[in-house]
């Protein structure tokens, strides 16, 4: 598993929905909004939290997220 893979903790339905939408890498989600993710069947609030946390660990965020001023 690569550091840029979608985390397993997001859940199989969410990972499948993301793959079907063409998003197979975590870094690709920096151009995607929370609203776009939640519009996918299989992606719910828990998956968004997991994805946002994984992105945050890499100093990244979803499109539209406010910048992290703690860095």
PDB file of N, CA and C in Angstrom:
ATOM      1  N   UNK A   1       0.845  -1.187   0.000  1.00  0.00           N
ATOM      2  CA  UNK A   1       0.000   0.000   0.000  1.00  0.00           C
ATOM      3  C   UNK A   1       0.887   1.245   0.000  1.00  0.00           C
ATOM      4  N   UNK A   2       0.597   2.146  -0.903  1.00  0.00           N
ATOM      5  CA  UNK A   2       1.344   3.390  -1.039  1.00  0.00           C
ATOM      6  C   UNK A   2       0.825   4.427  -0.046  1.00  0.00           C
ATOM      7  N   UNK A   3       1.681   5.389   0.267  1.00  0.00           N
ATOM      8  CA  UNK A   3       1.292   6.485   1.157  1.00  0.00           C
ATOM      9  C   UNK A   3       0.185   7.327   0.539  1.00  0.00           C
ATOM     10  N   UNK A   4      -0.015   7.226  -0.781  1.00  0.00           N
ATOM     11  CA  UNK A   4      -1.018   8.027  -1.474  1.00  0.00           C
ATOM     12  C   UNK A   4      -2.297   7.239  -1.766  1.00  0.00           C
ATOM     13  N   UNK A   5      -2.355   5.990  -1.306  1.00  0.00           N
ATOM     14  CA  UNK A   5      -3.566   5.189  -1.503  1.00  0.00           C
ATOM     15  C   UNK A   5      -4.707   5.721  -0.645  1.00  0.00           C
ATOM     16  N   UNK A   6      -5.936   5.511  -1.126  1.00  0.00           N
ATOM     17  CA  UNK A   6      -7.121   5.849  -0.331  1.00  0.00           C
ATOM     18  C   UNK A   6      -7.093   4.937   0.895  1.00  0.00           C
ATOM     19  N   UNK A   7      -7.212   5.499   2.101  1.00  0.00           N
ATOM     20  CA  UNK A   7      -7.126   4.666   3.317  1.00  0.00           C
ATOM     21  C   UNK A   7      -8.242   3.620   3.390  1.00  0.00           C
ATOM     22  N   UNK A   8      -7.876   2.427   3.838  1.00  0.00           N
ATOM     23  CA  UNK A   8      -8.868   1.356   4.031  1.00  0.00           C
ATOM     24  C   UNK A   8      -9.946   1.766   5.024  1.00  0.00           C
ATOM     25  N   UNK A   9      -9.580   2.598   5.986  1.00  0.00           N
ATOM     26  CA  UNK A   9     -10.532   3.032   7.012  1.00  0.00           C
ATOM     27  C   UNK A   9     -11.703   3.826   6.428  1.00  0.00           C
ATOM     28  N   UNK A  10     -11.569   4.295   5.200  1.00  0.00           N
ATOM     29  CA  UNK A  10     -12.676   5.015   4.554  1.00  0.00           C
ATOM     30  C   UNK A  10     -13.828   4.061   4.248  1.00  0.00           C
ATOM     31  N   UNK A  11     -13.520   2.764   4.176  1.00  0.00           N
ATOM     32  CA  UNK A  11     -14.555   1.761   3.928  1.00  0.00           C
ATOM     33  C   UNK A  11     -14.584   1.340   2.473  1.00  0.00           C
ATOM     34  N   UNK A  12     -14.937   0.092   2.255  1.00  0.00           N
ATOM     35  CA  UNK A  12     -14.977  -0.466   0.898  1.00  0.00           C
ATOM     36  C   UNK A  12     -15.977   0.255  -0.010  1.00  0.00           C
ATOM     37  N   UNK A  13     -17.196   0.568   0.476  1.00  0.00           N
ATOM     38  CA  UNK A  13     -18.135   1.271  -0.410  1.00  0.00           C
ATOM     39  C   UNK A  13     -17.594   2.627  -0.870  1.00  0.00           C
ATOM     40  N   UNK A  14     -16.972   3.354   0.048  1.00  0.00           N
ATOM     41  CA  UNK A  14     -16.426   4.663  -0.308  1.00  0.00           C
ATOM     42  C   UNK A  14     -15.258   4.510  -1.271  1.00  0.00           C
ATOM     43  N   UNK A  15     -14.365   3.570  -1.009  1.00  0.00           N
ATOM     44  CA  UNK A  15     -13.222   3.360  -1.904  1.00  0.00           C
ATOM     45  C   UNK A  15     -13.696   2.964  -3.302  1.00  0.00           C
ATOM     46  N   UNK A  16     -14.733   2.130  -3.362  1.00  0.00           N
ATOM     47  CA  UNK A  16     -15.294   1.741  -4.654  1.00  0.00           C
ATOM     48  C   UNK A  16     -15.924   2.914  -5.392  1.00  0.00           C
ATOM     49  N   UNK A  17     -16.650   3.747  -4.656  1.00  0.00           N
ATOM     50  CA  UNK A  17     -17.287   4.918  -5.263  1.00  0.00           C
ATOM     51  C   UNK A  17     -16.239   5.905  -5.769  1.00  0.00           C
ATOM     52  N   UNK A  18     -15.186   6.091  -4.996  1.00  0.00           N
ATOM     53  CA  UNK A  18     -14.115   6.993  -5.407  1.00  0.00           C
ATOM     54  C   UNK A  18     -13.428   6.462  -6.668  1.00  0.00           C
ATOM     55  N   UNK A  19     -13.149   5.174  -6.701  1.00  0.00           N
ATOM     56  CA  UNK A  19     -12.508   4.569  -7.869  1.00  0.00           C
ATOM     57  C   UNK A  19     -13.392   4.699  -9.108  1.00  0.00           C
ATOM     58  N   UNK A  20     -14.694   4.477  -8.942  1.00  0.00           N
ATOM     59  CA  UNK A  20     -15.626   4.593 -10.067  1.00  0.00           C
ATOM     60  C   UNK A  20     -15.666   6.024 -10.600  1.00  0.00           C
ATOM     61  N   UNK A  21     -15.424   6.999  -9.719  1.00  0.00           N
ATOM     62  CA  UNK A  21     -15.402   8.403 -10.127  1.00  0.00           C
ATOM     63  C   UNK A  21     -14.043   8.805 -10.692  1.00  0.00           C
ATOM     64  N   UNK A  22     -13.067   7.879 -10.643  1.00  0.00           N
ATOM     65  CA  UNK A  22     -11.751   8.160 -11.201  1.00  0.00           C
ATOM     66  C   UNK A  22     -10.715   8.643 -10.201  1.00  0.00           C
ATOM     67  N   UNK A  23     -11.057   8.621  -8.932  1.00  0.00           N
ATOM     68  CA  UNK A  23     -10.137   9.073  -7.886  1.00  0.00           C
ATOM     69  C   UNK A  23      -9.558   7.854  -7.173  1.00  0.00           C
ATOM     70  N   UNK A  24      -8.335   7.522  -7.495  1.00  0.00           N
ATOM     71  CA  UNK A  24      -7.697   6.334  -6.929  1.00  0.00           C
ATOM     72  C   UNK A  24      -6.551   6.678  -5.991  1.00  0.00           C
ATOM     73  N   UNK A  25      -6.193   7.933  -5.916  1.00  0.00           N
ATOM     74  CA  UNK A  25      -5.093   8.399  -5.057  1.00  0.00           C
ATOM     75  C   UNK A  25      -5.593   9.494  -4.137  1.00  0.00           C
ATOM     76  N   UNK A  26      -5.110   9.492  -2.923  1.00  0.00           N
ATOM     77  CA  UNK A  26      -5.492  10.489  -1.933  1.00  0.00           C
ATOM     78  C   UNK A  26      -5.200  11.899  -2.434  1.00  0.00           C
ATOM     79  N   UNK A  27      -4.048  12.087  -3.055  1.00  0.00           N
ATOM     80  CA  UNK A  27      -3.655  13.422  -3.516  1.00  0.00           C
ATOM     81  C   UNK A  27      -4.610  13.983  -4.571  1.00  0.00           C
ATOM     82  N   UNK A  28      -5.358  13.129  -5.264  1.00  0.00           N
ATOM     83  CA  UNK A  28      -6.321  13.600  -6.251  1.00  0.00           C
ATOM     84  C   UNK A  28      -7.502  14.313  -5.594  1.00  0.00           C
ATOM     85  N   UNK A  29      -7.721  14.042  -4.328  1.00  0.00           N
ATOM     86  CA  UNK A  29      -8.893  14.597  -3.647  1.00  0.00           C
ATOM     87  C   UNK A  29      -8.717  16.053  -3.241  1.00  0.00           C
ATOM     88  N   UNK A  30      -7.533  16.607  -3.429  1.00  0.00           N
ATOM     89  CA  UNK A  30      -7.329  18.015  -3.076  1.00  0.00           C
ATOM     90  C   UNK A  30      -8.132  18.932  -3.999  1.00  0.00           C
ATOM     91  N   UNK A  31      -8.569  18.421  -5.133  1.00  0.00           N
ATOM     92  CA  UNK A  31      -9.385  19.208  -6.053  1.00  0.00           C
ATOM     93  C   UNK A  31     -10.867  18.895  -5.969  1.00  0.00           C
ATOM     94  N   UNK A  32     -11.261  18.162  -4.923  1.00  0.00           N
ATOM     95  CA  UNK A  32     -12.639  17.702  -4.770  1.00  0.00           C
ATOM     96  C   UNK A  32     -13.228  18.305  -3.495  1.00  0.00           C
ATOM     97  N   UNK A  33     -14.460  18.765  -3.563  1.00  0.00           N
ATOM     98  CA  UNK A  33     -15.106  19.328  -2.376  1.00  0.00           C
ATOM     99  C   UNK A  33     -15.806  18.237  -1.564  1.00  0.00           C
ATOM    100  N   UNK A  34     -16.073  18.556  -0.316  1.00  0.00           N
ATOM    101  CA  UNK A  34     -16.821  17.639   0.543  1.00  0.00           C
ATOM    102  C   UNK A  34     -18.175  17.332  -0.078  1.00  0.00           C
ATOM    103  N   UNK A  35     -18.802  18.337  -0.628  1.00  0.00           N
ATOM    104  CA  UNK A  35     -20.121  18.162  -1.241  1.00  0.00           C
ATOM    105  C   UNK A  35     -20.068  17.156  -2.401  1.00  0.00           C
ATOM    106  N   UNK A  36     -19.011  17.238  -3.228  1.00  0.00           N
ATOM    107  CA  UNK A  36     -18.854  16.300  -4.332  1.00  0.00           C
ATOM    108  C   UNK A  36     -18.677  14.875  -3.816  1.00  0.00           C
ATOM    109  N   UNK A  37     -17.898  14.727  -2.751  1.00  0.00           N
ATOM    110  CA  UNK A  37     -17.692  13.393  -2.181  1.00  0.00           C
ATOM    111  C   UNK A  37     -18.993  12.829  -1.639  1.00  0.00           C
ATOM    112  N   UNK A  38     -19.718  13.640  -0.891  1.00  0.00           N
ATOM    113  CA  UNK A  38     -20.960  13.163  -0.282  1.00  0.00           C
ATOM    114  C   UNK A  38     -22.036  12.847  -1.322  1.00  0.00           C
ATOM    115  N   UNK A  39     -21.902  13.383  -2.526  1.00  0.00           N
ATOM    116  CA  UNK A  39     -22.864  13.107  -3.590  1.00  0.00           C
ATOM    117  C   UNK A  39     -22.673  11.705  -4.169  1.00  0.00           C
ATOM    118  N   UNK A  40     -21.530  11.082  -3.887  1.00  0.00           N
ATOM    119  CA  UNK A  40     -21.264   9.737  -4.387  1.00  0.00           C
ATOM    120  C   UNK A  40     -21.966   8.698  -3.518  1.00  0.00           C
ATOM    121  N   UNK A  41     -22.653   7.769  -4.149  1.00  0.00           N
ATOM    122  CA  UNK A  41     -23.294   6.684  -3.412  1.00  0.00           C
ATOM    123  C   UNK A  41     -22.198   5.813  -2.809  1.00  0.00           C
ATOM    124  N   UNK A  42     -22.208   5.692  -1.490  1.00  0.00           N
ATOM    125  CA  UNK A  42     -21.193   4.902  -0.792  1.00  0.00           C
ATOM    126  C   UNK A  42     -20.254   5.758   0.042  1.00  0.00           C
ATOM    127  N   UNK A  43     -20.291   7.069  -0.189  1.00  0.00           N
ATOM    128  CA  UNK A  43     -19.438   7.974   0.593  1.00  0.00           C
ATOM    129  C   UNK A  43     -20.319   8.749   1.564  1.00  0.00           C
ATOM    130  N   UNK A  44     -20.050   8.567   2.850  1.00  0.00           N
ATOM    131  CA  UNK A  44     -20.809   9.261   3.882  1.00  0.00           C
ATOM    132  C   UNK A  44     -19.901  10.116   4.742  1.00  0.00           C
ATOM    133  N   UNK A  45     -20.464  10.705   5.795  1.00  0.00           N
ATOM    134  CA  UNK A  45     -19.690  11.587   6.671  1.00  0.00           C
ATOM    135  C   UNK A  45     -18.462  10.925   7.283  1.00  0.00           C
ATOM    136  N   UNK A  46     -18.559   9.639   7.641  1.00  0.00           N
ATOM    137  CA  UNK A  46     -17.401   8.964   8.233  1.00  0.00           C
ATOM    138  C   UNK A  46     -16.253   8.883   7.232  1.00  0.00           C
ATOM    139  N   UNK A  47     -16.564   8.503   6.010  1.00  0.00           N
ATOM    140  CA  UNK A  47     -15.527   8.405   4.981  1.00  0.00           C
ATOM    141  C   UNK A  47     -14.885   9.763   4.738  1.00  0.00           C
ATOM    142  N   UNK A  48     -15.684  10.810   4.713  1.00  0.00           N
ATOM    143  CA  UNK A  48     -15.142  12.160   4.504  1.00  0.00           C
ATOM    144  C   UNK A  48     -14.208  12.526   5.658  1.00  0.00           C
ATOM    145  N   UNK A  49     -14.591  12.193   6.886  1.00  0.00           N
ATOM    146  CA  UNK A  49     -13.719  12.476   8.043  1.00  0.00           C
ATOM    147  C   UNK A  49     -12.386  11.736   7.911  1.00  0.00           C
ATOM    148  N   UNK A  50     -12.447  10.467   7.523  1.00  0.00           N
ATOM    149  CA  UNK A  50     -11.234   9.668   7.360  1.00  0.00           C
ATOM    150  C   UNK A  50     -10.350  10.259   6.259  1.00  0.00           C
ATOM    151  N   UNK A  51     -10.951  10.608   5.140  1.00  0.00           N
ATOM    152  CA  UNK A  51     -10.195  11.176   4.026  1.00  0.00           C
ATOM    153  C   UNK A  51      -9.578  12.523   4.402  1.00  0.00           C
ATOM    154  N   UNK A  52     -10.366  13.356   5.067  1.00  0.00           N
ATOM    155  CA  UNK A  52      -9.865  14.672   5.473  1.00  0.00           C
ATOM    156  C   UNK A  52      -8.708  14.522   6.464  1.00  0.00           C
ATOM    157  N   UNK A  53      -8.821  13.580   7.387  1.00  0.00           N
ATOM    158  CA  UNK A  53      -7.743  13.356   8.359  1.00  0.00           C
ATOM    159  C   UNK A  53      -6.485  12.854   7.671  1.00  0.00           C
ATOM    160  N   UNK A  54      -6.646  11.924   6.723  1.00  0.00           N
ATOM    161  CA  UNK A  54      -5.487  11.396   5.990  1.00  0.00           C
ATOM    162  C   UNK A  54      -4.821  12.501   5.173  1.00  0.00           C
ATOM    163  N   UNK A  55      -5.621  13.342   4.557  1.00  0.00           N
ATOM    164  CA  UNK A  55      -5.059  14.469   3.812  1.00  0.00           C
ATOM    165  C   UNK A  55      -4.342  15.424   4.764  1.00  0.00           C
ATOM    166  N   UNK A  56      -4.967  15.705   5.904  1.00  0.00           N
ATOM    167  CA  UNK A  56      -4.375  16.612   6.883  1.00  0.00           C
ATOM    168  C   UNK A  56      -3.022  16.138   7.385  1.00  0.00           C
ATOM    169  N   UNK A  57      -2.863  14.827   7.538  1.00  0.00           N
ATOM    170  CA  UNK A  57      -1.575  14.266   7.964  1.00  0.00           C
ATOM    171  C   UNK A  57      -0.472  14.538   6.943  1.00  0.00           C
ATOM    172  N   UNK A  58      -0.870  14.805   5.720  1.00  0.00           N
ATOM    173  CA  UNK A  58       0.089  15.074   4.645  1.00  0.00           C
ATOM    174  C   UNK A  58       0.173  16.564   4.324  1.00  0.00           C
ATOM    175  N   UNK A  59      -0.480  17.378   5.154  1.00  0.00           N
ATOM    176  CA  UNK A  59      -0.468  18.818   4.931  1.00  0.00           C
ATOM    177  C   UNK A  59      -1.377  19.265   3.801  1.00  0.00           C
ATOM    178  N   UNK A  60      -2.359  18.406   3.461  1.00  0.00           N
ATOM    179  CA  UNK A  60      -3.280  18.688   2.365  1.00  0.00           C
ATOM    180  C   UNK A  60      -4.701  18.796   2.896  1.00  0.00           C
ATOM    181  N   UNK A  61      -5.623  19.160   2.046  1.00  0.00           N
ATOM    182  CA  UNK A  61      -7.035  19.223   2.419  1.00  0.00           C
ATOM    183  C   UNK A  61      -7.907  19.082   1.193  1.00  0.00           C
ATOM    184  N   UNK A  62      -9.201  18.969   1.429  1.00  0.00           N
ATOM    185  CA  UNK A  62     -10.159  18.933   0.336  1.00  0.00           C
ATOM    186  C   UNK A  62     -10.288  20.328  -0.260  1.00  0.00           C
ATOM    187  N   UNK A  63     -10.755  20.398  -1.496  1.00  0.00           N
ATOM    188  CA  UNK A  63     -10.997  21.697  -2.124  1.00  0.00           C
ATOM    189  C   UNK A  63     -12.017  22.458  -1.278  1.00  0.00           C
ATOM    190  N   UNK A  64     -11.744  23.708  -1.028  1.00  0.00           N
ATOM    191  CA  UNK A  64     -12.661  24.530  -0.252  1.00  0.00           C
ATOM    192  C   UNK A  64     -12.418  24.510   1.240  1.00  0.00           C
ATOM    193  N   UNK A  65     -11.567  23.598   1.723  1.00  0.00           N
ATOM    194  CA  UNK A  65     -11.247  23.583   3.141  1.00  0.00           C
ATOM    195  C   UNK A  65     -10.402  24.819   3.469  1.00  0.00           C
ATOM    196  N   UNK A  66     -10.605  25.405   4.632  1.00  0.00           N
ATOM    197  CA  UNK A  66      -9.754  26.536   4.999  1.00  0.00           C
ATOM    198  C   UNK A  66      -8.324  26.061   5.205  1.00  0.00           C
ATOM    199  N   UNK A  67      -7.351  26.914   4.896  1.00  0.00           N
ATOM    200  CA  UNK A  67      -5.949  26.508   5.117  1.00  0.00           C
ATOM    201  C   UNK A  67      -5.662  26.275   6.592  1.00  0.00           C
ATOM    202  N   UNK A  68      -4.789  25.331   6.865  1.00  0.00           N
ATOM    203  CA  UNK A  68      -4.388  25.039   8.245  1.00  0.00           C
ATOM    204  C   UNK A  68      -3.355  26.069   8.663  1.00  0.00           C
ATOM    205  N   UNK A  69      -3.710  26.893   9.619  1.00  0.00           N
ATOM    206  CA  UNK A  69      -2.815  27.982  10.039  1.00  0.00           C
ATOM    207  C   UNK A  69      -1.872  27.547  11.147  1.00  0.00           C
ATOM    208  N   UNK A  70      -1.936  26.265  11.548  1.00  0.00           N
ATOM    209  CA  UNK A  70      -1.053  25.778  12.617  1.00  0.00           C
ATOM    210  C   UNK A  70       0.326  25.408  12.099  1.00  0.00           C
ATOM    211  N   UNK A  71       0.519  25.385  10.803  1.00  0.00           N
ATOM    212  CA  UNK A  71       1.818  24.999  10.236  1.00  0.00           C
ATOM    213  C   UNK A  71       2.702  26.202  10.082  1.00  0.00           C
TER     214      UNK A  71
END
